Amino acid sequence: MDPVVIAGSEQCAFGWRVPVSGRYAAGNARGLCERMNQAIIESLEQILGRQFNDHELLERAMRHASIADTRAESNERLEFLGDAVLGMLVCEHLYQTFPEMLEGDMTKIKSVAVSRKICAKIARKIGLDKHLILGKGMLGAQPLPSSLSAAVLESVIGAIYIDAGGPSAGLEAVRDFLMPHMESIVTKADESGHQQNFKSVLQQYAQDRYEATPTYVLLDEKGPDHAKCFEVCVQIGAARHPSSWGQSKKQAEQTAALNALEELGLIVETEDGDITIVDLTEESDIEDARAEARSDE
């Protein structure tokens, strides 16, 4: 897609640099919706396949905390909502598509489908990351961190949900946007054997490679007693790996194990979205598996 230009601004390696009185607009989000001109709005609406009723909501979904007056005015709250909607729709799809699949296996496939890697992949594929509005401090980093690409997909999901008038209409609107991208990922995850236990794979690797057993650290929990969410990270020796939230401690631990496998380089992904977990203990064998995966692309 050809880049579009915000009036009075320029596109850098990624995101938008917006001059305000000769300076960047970091810390001054007022008027950003006006500077996100009609060309930008139409470009985003084309990507998302829907016309927004509230263009300020769409702009907020693209506004990183580095350029917002306060974090509450950034896309972080929409990201929080979008993460929940994404999880719900993937769970619904798994329930309807695989009637014989047990809860544990559905949880493991869902962990792959809603992972940071997959969300970032979708955002980049459709060009959402190119429309992020960033502050000056974020413009020098190349490439755009996966966490930012993944977050903007979730914030846009939250914005679609609200703009369409959720819950019912909002879920339907998000489903129309999301599932064409997600269905093939879920299918490939199932075919690639992601019903395996991520915790078991990680434990085997850690014991063979480091002679250590992973421990799962509860970092936080939120919500009422009947609907709590838990944040968990994996620790191997003194090293902690990226944390994950889940609707149960068991679910959060599985996703945290997947995050650790990703950070340790034990996940091989081809350009068409196939993901394979390399359950090997010799580094040379892992490199051979990665080379073989790349040769199949």
C-alpha atoms as a PDB file:
ATOM      1  CA  MET A   1       0.000   0.000   0.000  1.00  0.00           C
ATOM      2  CA  ASP A   2       1.369   3.434  -0.886  1.00  0.00           C
ATOM      3  CA  PRO A   3       2.149   5.536   2.186  1.00  0.00           C
ATOM      4  CA  VAL A   4      -0.212   8.327   3.081  1.00  0.00           C
ATOM      5  CA  VAL A   5       0.951  11.553   4.651  1.00  0.00           C
ATOM      6  CA  ILE A   6      -0.492  13.403   7.609  1.00  0.00           C
ATOM      7  CA  ALA A   7      -0.766  17.075   6.719  1.00  0.00           C
ATOM      8  CA  GLY A   8       2.296  18.936   7.984  1.00  0.00           C
ATOM      9  CA  SER A   9       4.039  15.714   9.025  1.00  0.00           C
ATOM     10  CA  GLU A  10       6.344  13.081   7.628  1.00  0.00           C
ATOM     11  CA  GLN A  11       6.576   9.315   7.850  1.00  0.00           C
ATOM     12  CA  CYS A  12       9.858   7.972   9.205  1.00  0.00           C
ATOM     13  CA  ALA A  13      10.983   4.348   9.306  1.00  0.00           C
ATOM     14  CA  PHE A  14       7.654   3.639  10.908  1.00  0.00           C
ATOM     15  CA  GLY A  15       4.946   5.680  12.568  1.00  0.00           C
ATOM     16  CA  TRP A  16       4.258   9.396  12.198  1.00  0.00           C
ATOM     17  CA  ARG A  17       6.376  12.352  13.249  1.00  0.00           C
ATOM     18  CA  VAL A  18       4.112  15.299  13.870  1.00  0.00           C
ATOM     19  CA  PRO A  19       5.771  18.733  14.235  1.00  0.00           C
ATOM     20  CA  VAL A  20       4.165  21.193  16.641  1.00  0.00           C
ATOM     21  CA  SER A  21       5.674  24.697  16.523  1.00  0.00           C
ATOM     22  CA  GLY A  22       8.917  23.241  15.236  1.00  0.00           C
ATOM     23  CA  ARG A  23       8.991  20.433  17.816  1.00  0.00           C
ATOM     24  CA  TYR A  24       7.650  16.885  17.959  1.00  0.00           C
ATOM     25  CA  ALA A  25       4.198  16.425  19.399  1.00  0.00           C
ATOM     26  CA  ALA A  26       5.237  14.133  22.242  1.00  0.00           C
ATOM     27  CA  GLY A  27       3.253  15.097  25.323  1.00  0.00           C
ATOM     28  CA  ASN A  28       0.681  17.013  23.307  1.00  0.00           C
ATOM     29  CA  ALA A  29      -2.044  14.794  21.890  1.00  0.00           C
ATOM     30  CA  ARG A  30      -4.577  17.583  21.460  1.00  0.00           C
ATOM     31  CA  GLY A  31      -5.605  18.038  17.861  1.00  0.00           C
ATOM     32  CA  LEU A  32      -4.058  14.779  16.674  1.00  0.00           C
ATOM     33  CA  CYS A  33      -7.387  13.649  15.293  1.00  0.00           C
ATOM     34  CA  GLU A  34      -7.466  16.761  13.120  1.00  0.00           C
ATOM     35  CA  ARG A  35      -3.926  16.083  11.892  1.00  0.00           C
ATOM     36  CA  MET A  36      -4.909  12.503  11.115  1.00  0.00           C
ATOM     37  CA  ASN A  37      -6.477  13.768   7.927  1.00  0.00           C
ATOM     38  CA  GLN A  38      -9.107  12.230   5.707  1.00  0.00           C
ATOM     39  CA  ALA A  39      -6.537  10.290   3.666  1.00  0.00           C
ATOM     40  CA  ILE A  40      -5.224   8.589   6.802  1.00  0.00           C
ATOM     41  CA  ILE A  41      -8.720   7.823   8.057  1.00  0.00           C
ATOM     42  CA  GLU A  42      -9.755   6.357   4.713  1.00  0.00           C
ATOM     43  CA  SER A  43      -6.572   4.290   4.547  1.00  0.00           C
ATOM     44  CA  LEU A  44      -7.220   2.823   7.994  1.00  0.00           C
ATOM     45  CA  GLU A  45     -10.880   2.178   7.230  1.00  0.00           C
ATOM     46  CA  GLN A  46      -9.864   0.348   4.067  1.00  0.00           C
ATOM     47  CA  ILE A  47      -7.428  -1.810   6.049  1.00  0.00           C
ATOM     48  CA  LEU A  48     -10.070  -2.570   8.679  1.00  0.00           C
ATOM     49  CA  GLY A  49     -12.928  -3.076   6.237  1.00  0.00           C
ATOM     50  CA  ARG A  50     -15.327  -0.733   8.015  1.00  0.00           C
ATOM     51  CA  GLN A  51     -16.236   2.939   8.261  1.00  0.00           C
ATOM     52  CA  PHE A  52     -15.937   4.314  11.778  1.00  0.00           C
ATOM     53  CA  ASN A  53     -18.702   6.372  13.316  1.00  0.00           C
ATOM     54  CA  ASP A  54     -16.222   7.933  15.758  1.00  0.00           C
ATOM     55  CA  HIS A  55     -12.965   9.001  14.121  1.00  0.00           C
ATOM     56  CA  GLU A  56     -11.542  10.149  17.465  1.00  0.00           C
ATOM     57  CA  LEU A  57     -11.871   6.562  18.668  1.00  0.00           C
ATOM     58  CA  LEU A  58      -9.976   5.335  15.614  1.00  0.00           C
ATOM     59  CA  GLU A  59      -7.258   7.934  16.203  1.00  0.00           C
ATOM     60  CA  ARG A  60      -6.955   6.925  19.847  1.00  0.00           C
ATOM     61  CA  ALA A  61      -6.415   3.315  18.793  1.00  0.00           C
ATOM     62  CA  MET A  62      -3.350   4.470  16.841  1.00  0.00           C
ATOM     63  CA  ARG A  63      -1.977   6.819  19.542  1.00  0.00           C
ATOM     64  CA  HIS A  64       0.984   5.410  21.427  1.00  0.00           C
ATOM     65  CA  ALA A  65       1.573   6.435  25.038  1.00  0.00           C
ATOM     66  CA  SER A  66       4.782   8.219  23.990  1.00  0.00           C
ATOM     67  CA  ILE A  67       2.736  10.990  22.359  1.00  0.00           C
ATOM     68  CA  ALA A  68      -0.316  11.157  24.638  1.00  0.00           C
ATOM     69  CA  ASP A  69      -0.812  13.777  27.348  1.00  0.00           C
ATOM     70  CA  THR A  70      -1.575  10.951  29.786  1.00  0.00           C
ATOM     71  CA  ARG A  71      -1.474   7.181  29.445  1.00  0.00           C
ATOM     72  CA  ALA A  72      -5.259   7.159  29.828  1.00  0.00           C
ATOM     73  CA  GLU A  73      -5.433   9.103  26.546  1.00  0.00           C
ATOM     74  CA  SER A  74      -3.239   6.597  24.707  1.00  0.00           C
ATOM     75  CA  ASN A  75      -4.351   3.347  23.097  1.00  0.00           C
ATOM     76  CA  GLU A  76      -3.556   1.269  26.194  1.00  0.00           C
ATOM     77  CA  ARG A  77      -7.132   1.047  27.515  1.00  0.00           C
ATOM     78  CA  LEU A  78      -8.371  -0.011  24.074  1.00  0.00           C
ATOM     79  CA  GLU A  79      -5.564  -2.558  23.946  1.00  0.00           C
ATOM     80  CA  PHE A  80      -6.769  -4.015  27.265  1.00  0.00           C
ATOM     81  CA  LEU A  81     -10.319  -4.360  25.938  1.00  0.00           C
ATOM     82  CA  GLY A  82      -9.191  -5.674  22.556  1.00  0.00           C
ATOM     83  CA  ASP A  83      -7.095  -8.399  24.171  1.00  0.00           C
ATOM     84  CA  ALA A  84     -10.196  -9.741  25.938  1.00  0.00           C
ATOM     85  CA  VAL A  85     -12.341  -9.581  22.781  1.00  0.00           C
ATOM     86  CA  LEU A  86      -9.612 -11.303  20.747  1.00  0.00           C
ATOM     87  CA  GLY A  87      -9.381 -14.122  23.281  1.00  0.00           C
ATOM     88  CA  MET A  88     -13.141 -14.576  23.411  1.00  0.00           C
ATOM     89  CA  LEU A  89     -13.523 -14.843  19.629  1.00  0.00           C
ATOM     90  CA  VAL A  90     -10.636 -17.280  19.267  1.00  0.00           C
ATOM     91  CA  CYS A  91     -12.093 -19.422  22.052  1.00  0.00           C
ATOM     92  CA  GLU A  92     -15.496 -19.370  20.360  1.00  0.00           C
ATOM     93  CA  HIS A  93     -13.922 -20.373  17.035  1.00  0.00           C
ATOM     94  CA  LEU A  94     -12.060 -23.272  18.653  1.00  0.00           C
ATOM     95  CA  TYR A  95     -15.209 -24.457  20.437  1.00  0.00           C
ATOM     96  CA  GLN A  96     -17.268 -24.404  17.248  1.00  0.00           C
ATOM     97  CA  THR A  97     -14.613 -25.741  14.883  1.00  0.00           C
ATOM     98  CA  PHE A  98     -13.197 -28.600  16.974  1.00  0.00           C
ATOM     99  CA  PRO A  99     -16.149 -30.251  18.766  1.00  0.00           C
ATOM    100  CA  GLU A 100     -14.039 -33.174  19.997  1.00  0.00           C
ATOM    101  CA  MET A 101     -11.079 -31.134  21.249  1.00  0.00           C
ATOM    102  CA  LEU A 102     -10.555 -31.085  25.000  1.00  0.00           C
ATOM    103  CA  GLU A 103     -10.218 -27.909  27.066  1.00  0.00           C
ATOM    104  CA  GLY A 104      -6.495 -28.293  27.613  1.00  0.00           C
ATOM    105  CA  ASP A 105      -5.746 -28.636  23.906  1.00  0.00           C
ATOM    106  CA  MET A 106      -7.961 -25.660  23.045  1.00  0.00           C
ATOM    107  CA  THR A 107      -6.098 -23.599  25.630  1.00  0.00           C
ATOM    108  CA  LYS A 108      -2.742 -24.424  24.044  1.00  0.00           C
ATOM    109  CA  ILE A 109      -3.862 -23.562  20.512  1.00  0.00           C
ATOM    110  CA  LYS A 110      -5.439 -20.349  21.777  1.00  0.00           C
ATOM    111  CA  SER A 111      -2.125 -19.458  23.429  1.00  0.00           C
ATOM    112  CA  VAL A 112      -0.455 -19.589  20.012  1.00  0.00           C
ATOM    113  CA  ALA A 113      -3.243 -17.757  18.179  1.00  0.00           C
ATOM    114  CA  VAL A 114      -3.359 -14.769  20.543  1.00  0.00           C
ATOM    115  CA  SER A 115       0.398 -14.601  21.153  1.00  0.00           C
ATOM    116  CA  ARG A 116       2.387 -11.410  20.685  1.00  0.00           C
ATOM    117  CA  LYS A 117       4.137 -12.961  17.672  1.00  0.00           C
ATOM    118  CA  ILE A 118       0.874 -13.727  15.840  1.00  0.00           C
ATOM    119  CA  CYS A 119      -0.784 -10.392  16.679  1.00  0.00           C
ATOM    120  CA  ALA A 120       2.322  -8.538  15.477  1.00  0.00           C
ATOM    121  CA  LYS A 121       2.388 -10.632  12.303  1.00  0.00           C
ATOM    122  CA  ILE A 122      -1.229  -9.735  11.463  1.00  0.00           C
ATOM    123  CA  ALA A 123      -0.672  -6.031  12.241  1.00  0.00           C
ATOM    124  CA  ARG A 124       2.358  -5.904   9.969  1.00  0.00           C
ATOM    125  CA  LYS A 125       0.697  -7.888   7.210  1.00  0.00           C
ATOM    126  CA  ILE A 126      -2.182  -5.434   6.887  1.00  0.00           C
ATOM    127  CA  GLY A 127      -0.067  -2.329   7.557  1.00  0.00           C
ATOM    128  CA  LEU A 128      -1.458  -1.190  10.904  1.00  0.00           C
ATOM    129  CA  ASP A 129       2.018  -0.615  12.324  1.00  0.00           C
ATOM    130  CA  LYS A 130       2.731   1.978   9.615  1.00  0.00           C
ATOM    131  CA  HIS A 131      -0.118   4.146  10.942  1.00  0.00           C
ATOM    132  CA  LEU A 132       0.973   4.287  14.586  1.00  0.00           C
ATOM    133  CA  ILE A 133       1.316   7.826  15.947  1.00  0.00           C
ATOM    134  CA  LEU A 134       4.526   7.861  17.962  1.00  0.00           C
ATOM    135  CA  GLY A 135       6.471  10.295  20.092  1.00  0.00           C
ATOM    136  CA  LYS A 136       9.975  11.453  19.282  1.00  0.00           C
ATOM    137  CA  GLY A 137      11.649   8.920  21.553  1.00  0.00           C
ATOM    138  CA  MET A 138      10.116   5.988  19.680  1.00  0.00           C
ATOM    139  CA  LEU A 139      11.037   7.057  16.166  1.00  0.00           C
ATOM    140  CA  GLY A 140      14.658   5.938  16.194  1.00  0.00           C
ATOM    141  CA  ALA A 141      14.047   2.258  16.970  1.00  0.00           C
ATOM    142  CA  GLN A 142      14.129  -0.034  13.967  1.00  0.00           C
ATOM    143  CA  PRO A 143      12.402  -2.275  13.335  1.00  0.00           C
ATOM    144  CA  LEU A 144       9.217  -1.540  15.272  1.00  0.00           C
ATOM    145  CA  PRO A 145       9.172  -3.810  18.364  1.00  0.00           C
ATOM    146  CA  SER A 146       6.779  -6.749  18.107  1.00  0.00           C
ATOM    147  CA  SER A 147       5.089  -5.602  21.306  1.00  0.00           C
ATOM    148  CA  LEU A 148       4.003  -2.336  19.652  1.00  0.00           C
ATOM    149  CA  SER A 149       2.749  -4.069  16.512  1.00  0.00           C
ATOM    150  CA  ALA A 150       0.799  -6.586  18.590  1.00  0.00           C
ATOM    151  CA  ALA A 151      -0.615  -3.855  20.848  1.00  0.00           C
ATOM    152  CA  VAL A 152      -1.965  -1.788  17.961  1.00  0.00           C
ATOM    153  CA  LEU A 153      -3.882  -4.799  16.630  1.00  0.00           C
ATOM    154  CA  GLU A 154      -5.482  -5.266  20.040  1.00  0.00           C
ATOM    155  CA  SER A 155      -6.281  -1.568  20.418  1.00  0.00           C
ATOM    156  CA  VAL A 156      -7.942  -1.526  17.002  1.00  0.00           C
ATOM    157  CA  ILE A 157      -9.996  -4.578  17.964  1.00  0.00           C
ATOM    158  CA  GLY A 158     -11.144  -2.686  21.063  1.00  0.00           C
ATOM    159  CA  ALA A 159     -12.001   0.366  18.970  1.00  0.00           C
ATOM    160  CA  ILE A 160     -14.032  -1.674  16.463  1.00  0.00           C
ATOM    161  CA  TYR A 161     -15.907  -3.339  19.324  1.00  0.00           C
ATOM    162  CA  ILE A 162     -16.905   0.009  20.880  1.00  0.00           C
ATOM    163  CA  ASP A 163     -17.578   1.810  17.602  1.00  0.00           C
ATOM    164  CA  ALA A 164     -19.932  -0.948  16.428  1.00  0.00           C
ATOM    165  CA  GLY A 165     -21.916  -0.677  19.666  1.00  0.00           C
ATOM    166  CA  GLY A 166     -20.866  -3.975  21.340  1.00  0.00           C
ATOM    167  CA  PRO A 167     -21.468  -6.430  22.959  1.00  0.00           C
ATOM    168  CA  SER A 168     -23.497  -8.178  20.230  1.00  0.00           C
ATOM    169  CA  ALA A 169     -22.878  -5.867  17.277  1.00  0.00           C
ATOM    170  CA  GLY A 170     -19.344  -5.184  18.467  1.00  0.00           C
ATOM    171  CA  LEU A 171     -18.408  -8.865  18.566  1.00  0.00           C
ATOM    172  CA  GLU A 172     -19.867  -9.376  15.105  1.00  0.00           C
ATOM    173  CA  ALA A 173     -17.909  -6.436  13.696  1.00  0.00           C
ATOM    174  CA  VAL A 174     -14.647  -7.662  15.209  1.00  0.00           C
ATOM    175  CA  ARG A 175     -15.369 -11.186  13.980  1.00  0.00           C
ATOM    176  CA  ASP A 176     -15.800  -9.910  10.426  1.00  0.00           C
ATOM    177  CA  PHE A 177     -12.447  -8.102  10.613  1.00  0.00           C
ATOM    178  CA  LEU A 178     -10.414 -10.610  12.599  1.00  0.00           C
ATOM    179  CA  MET A 179     -11.390 -14.145  11.668  1.00  0.00           C
ATOM    180  CA  PRO A 180     -10.327 -14.044   7.995  1.00  0.00           C
ATOM    181  CA  HIS A 181      -6.806 -13.504   9.349  1.00  0.00           C
ATOM    182  CA  MET A 182      -7.113 -15.827  12.338  1.00  0.00           C
ATOM    183  CA  GLU A 183      -8.845 -18.929  10.944  1.00  0.00           C
ATOM    184  CA  SER A 184      -5.852 -20.138   8.927  1.00  0.00           C
ATOM    185  CA  ILE A 185      -3.537 -19.506  11.886  1.00  0.00           C
ATOM    186  CA  VAL A 186      -5.696 -21.646  14.169  1.00  0.00           C
ATOM    187  CA  THR A 187      -5.906 -24.404  11.550  1.00  0.00           C
ATOM    188  CA  LYS A 188      -2.150 -24.410  11.002  1.00  0.00           C
ATOM    189  CA  ALA A 189      -1.518 -24.410  14.748  1.00  0.00           C
ATOM    190  CA  ASP A 190      -3.712 -27.498  15.082  1.00  0.00           C
ATOM    191  CA  GLU A 191      -2.056 -29.234  12.139  1.00  0.00           C
ATOM    192  CA  SER A 192       1.411 -28.350  13.434  1.00  0.00           C
ATOM    193  CA  GLY A 193       0.797 -30.159  16.687  1.00  0.00           C
ATOM    194  CA  HIS A 194       0.347 -27.250  19.070  1.00  0.00           C
ATOM    195  CA  GLN A 195      -1.824 -29.443  21.216  1.00  0.00           C
ATOM    196  CA  GLN A 196       1.483 -30.366  22.888  1.00  0.00           C
ATOM    197  CA  ASN A 197       2.124 -29.109  26.394  1.00  0.00           C
ATOM    198  CA  PHE A 198       4.314 -25.976  26.267  1.00  0.00           C
ATOM    199  CA  LYS A 199       5.251 -26.367  29.926  1.00  0.00           C
ATOM    200  CA  SER A 200       6.466 -29.916  29.314  1.00  0.00           C
ATOM    201  CA  VAL A 201       8.514 -28.867  26.269  1.00  0.00           C
ATOM    202  CA  LEU A 202      10.109 -26.028  28.234  1.00  0.00           C
ATOM    203  CA  GLN A 203      10.799 -28.221  31.251  1.00  0.00           C
ATOM    204  CA  GLN A 204      12.532 -30.849  29.138  1.00  0.00           C
ATOM    205  CA  TYR A 205      14.686 -28.223  27.427  1.00  0.00           C
ATOM    206  CA  ALA A 206      15.587 -26.424  30.662  1.00  0.00           C
ATOM    207  CA  GLN A 207      16.558 -29.622  32.449  1.00  0.00           C
ATOM    208  CA  ASP A 208      18.659 -30.894  29.549  1.00  0.00           C
ATOM    209  CA  ARG A 209      20.313 -27.580  28.738  1.00  0.00           C
ATOM    210  CA  TYR A 210      20.582 -25.789  32.085  1.00  0.00           C
ATOM    211  CA  GLU A 211      20.008 -28.606  34.600  1.00  0.00           C
ATOM    212  CA  ALA A 212      17.255 -26.423  36.040  1.00  0.00           C
ATOM    213  CA  THR A 213      13.508 -26.722  36.421  1.00  0.00           C
ATOM    214  CA  PRO A 214      11.351 -23.759  35.307  1.00  0.00           C
ATOM    215  CA  THR A 215       9.353 -22.086  38.044  1.00  0.00           C
ATOM    216  CA  TYR A 216       6.212 -20.044  37.448  1.00  0.00           C
ATOM    217  CA  VAL A 217       5.996 -16.763  39.315  1.00  0.00           C
ATOM    218  CA  LEU A 218       2.631 -15.105  39.967  1.00  0.00           C
ATOM    219  CA  LEU A 219       3.234 -11.391  39.347  1.00  0.00           C
ATOM    220  CA  ASP A 220      -0.248  -9.916  39.582  1.00  0.00           C
ATOM    221  CA  GLU A 221      -3.941 -10.691  39.617  1.00  0.00           C
ATOM    222  CA  LYS A 222      -6.904  -8.487  38.793  1.00  0.00           C
ATOM    223  CA  GLY A 223     -10.667  -8.647  38.766  1.00  0.00           C
ATOM    224  CA  PRO A 224     -13.409  -9.904  41.073  1.00  0.00           C
ATOM    225  CA  ASP A 225     -13.178 -13.350  42.639  1.00  0.00           C
ATOM    226  CA  HIS A 226     -15.513 -14.891  40.054  1.00  0.00           C
ATOM    227  CA  ALA A 227     -13.589 -13.494  37.066  1.00  0.00           C
ATOM    228  CA  LYS A 228      -9.960 -13.055  38.042  1.00  0.00           C
ATOM    229  CA  CYS A 229      -7.083 -12.734  35.576  1.00  0.00           C
ATOM    230  CA  PHE A 230      -3.552 -13.736  36.483  1.00  0.00           C
ATOM    231  CA  GLU A 231      -0.146 -12.538  35.295  1.00  0.00           C
ATOM    232  CA  VAL A 232       2.579 -15.184  35.370  1.00  0.00           C
ATOM    233  CA  CYS A 233       6.163 -15.363  34.173  1.00  0.00           C
ATOM    234  CA  VAL A 234       8.616 -18.240  33.839  1.00  0.00           C
ATOM    235  CA  GLN A 235      11.922 -18.153  35.701  1.00  0.00           C
ATOM    236  CA  ILE A 236      14.792 -20.487  34.806  1.00  0.00           C
ATOM    237  CA  GLY A 237      17.651 -19.996  37.214  1.00  0.00           C
ATOM    238  CA  ALA A 238      18.062 -16.235  37.580  1.00  0.00           C
ATOM    239  CA  ALA A 239      16.517 -15.441  34.176  1.00  0.00           C
ATOM    240  CA  ARG A 240      12.905 -14.350  33.879  1.00  0.00           C
ATOM    241  CA  HIS A 241      11.045 -14.525  30.580  1.00  0.00           C
ATOM    242  CA  PRO A 242       8.149 -12.346  29.297  1.00  0.00           C
ATOM    243  CA  SER A 243       5.014 -12.620  31.381  1.00  0.00           C
ATOM    244  CA  SER A 244       1.499 -13.449  30.221  1.00  0.00           C
ATOM    245  CA  TRP A 245      -2.050 -12.903  31.458  1.00  0.00           C
ATOM    246  CA  GLY A 246      -4.645 -15.666  31.582  1.00  0.00           C
ATOM    247  CA  GLN A 247      -8.130 -16.279  32.899  1.00  0.00           C
ATOM    248  CA  SER A 248      -6.672 -19.003  35.117  1.00  0.00           C
ATOM    249  CA  LYS A 249      -3.220 -19.600  36.562  1.00  0.00           C
ATOM    250  CA  LYS A 250      -2.950 -22.738  34.428  1.00  0.00           C
ATOM    251  CA  GLN A 251      -3.718 -20.832  31.234  1.00  0.00           C
ATOM    252  CA  ALA A 252      -1.315 -18.020  32.115  1.00  0.00           C
ATOM    253  CA  GLU A 253       1.440 -20.548  32.832  1.00  0.00           C
ATOM    254  CA  GLN A 254       0.980 -22.227  29.445  1.00  0.00           C
ATOM    255  CA  THR A 255       1.203 -18.899  27.616  1.00  0.00           C
ATOM    256  CA  ALA A 256       4.185 -17.828  29.726  1.00  0.00           C
ATOM    257  CA  ALA A 257       5.905 -21.102  28.779  1.00  0.00           C
ATOM    258  CA  LEU A 258       5.209 -20.311  25.117  1.00  0.00           C
ATOM    259  CA  ASN A 259       6.736 -16.841  25.602  1.00  0.00           C
ATOM    260  CA  ALA A 260       9.843 -18.441  27.097  1.00  0.00           C
ATOM    261  CA  LEU A 261      10.126 -20.907  24.220  1.00  0.00           C
ATOM    262  CA  GLU A 262       9.908 -17.986  21.811  1.00  0.00           C
ATOM    263  CA  GLU A 263      12.570 -15.981  23.647  1.00  0.00           C
ATOM    264  CA  LEU A 264      14.872 -19.015  23.827  1.00  0.00           C
ATOM    265  CA  GLY A 265      14.622 -19.435  20.065  1.00  0.00           C
ATOM    266  CA  LEU A 266      12.771 -22.748  20.189  1.00  0.00           C
ATOM    267  CA  ILE A 267       9.961 -21.563  17.938  1.00  0.00           C
ATOM    268  CA  VAL A 268      10.464 -21.692  14.184  1.00  0.00           C
ATOM    269  CA  GLU A 269       8.073 -19.689  12.016  1.00  0.00           C
ATOM    270  CA  THR A 270       7.907 -19.657   8.227  1.00  0.00           C
ATOM    271  CA  GLU A 271       6.657 -16.670   6.254  1.00  0.00           C
ATOM    272  CA  ASP A 272       3.315 -18.317   5.552  1.00  0.00           C
ATOM    273  CA  GLY A 273       2.556 -18.469   9.269  1.00  0.00           C
ATOM    274  CA  ASP A 274       3.450 -22.076  10.113  1.00  0.00           C
ATOM    275  CA  ILE A 275       4.880 -22.329  13.609  1.00  0.00           C
ATOM    276  CA  THR A 276       6.872 -25.309  14.876  1.00  0.00           C
ATOM    277  CA  ILE A 277       8.172 -25.818  18.367  1.00  0.00           C
ATOM    278  CA  VAL A 278      11.641 -27.334  18.233  1.00  0.00           C
ATOM    279  CA  ASP A 279      11.854 -29.907  20.998  1.00  0.00           C
ATOM    280  CA  LEU A 280      15.614 -30.451  20.794  1.00  0.00           C
ATOM    281  CA  THR A 281      18.418 -30.025  23.297  1.00  0.00           C
ATOM    282  CA  GLU A 282      21.468 -29.616  21.060  1.00  0.00           C
ATOM    283  CA  GLU A 283      21.954 -26.117  19.706  1.00  0.00           C
ATOM    284  CA  SER A 284      23.325 -27.449  16.405  1.00  0.00           C
ATOM    285  CA  ASP A 285      20.182 -29.527  15.939  1.00  0.00           C
ATOM    286  CA  ILE A 286      18.036 -26.456  16.596  1.00  0.00           C
ATOM    287  CA  GLU A 287      19.947 -24.486  13.977  1.00  0.00           C
ATOM    288  CA  ASP A 288      19.514 -27.372  11.529  1.00  0.00           C
ATOM    289  CA  ALA A 289      15.766 -27.372  12.177  1.00  0.00           C
ATOM    290  CA  ARG A 290      15.580 -23.609  11.593  1.00  0.00           C
ATOM    291  CA  ALA A 291      17.529 -23.931   8.349  1.00  0.00           C
ATOM    292  CA  GLU A 292      15.232 -26.726   7.201  1.00  0.00           C
ATOM    293  CA  ALA A 293      12.155 -24.621   7.999  1.00  0.00           C
ATOM    294  CA  ARG A 294      13.580 -21.683   6.033  1.00  0.00           C
ATOM    295  CA  SER A 295      14.317 -23.923   3.067  1.00  0.00           C
ATOM    296  CA  ASP A 296      10.667 -24.991   2.977  1.00  0.00           C
ATOM    297  CA  GLU A 297       9.413 -21.388   2.690  1.00  0.00           C
END
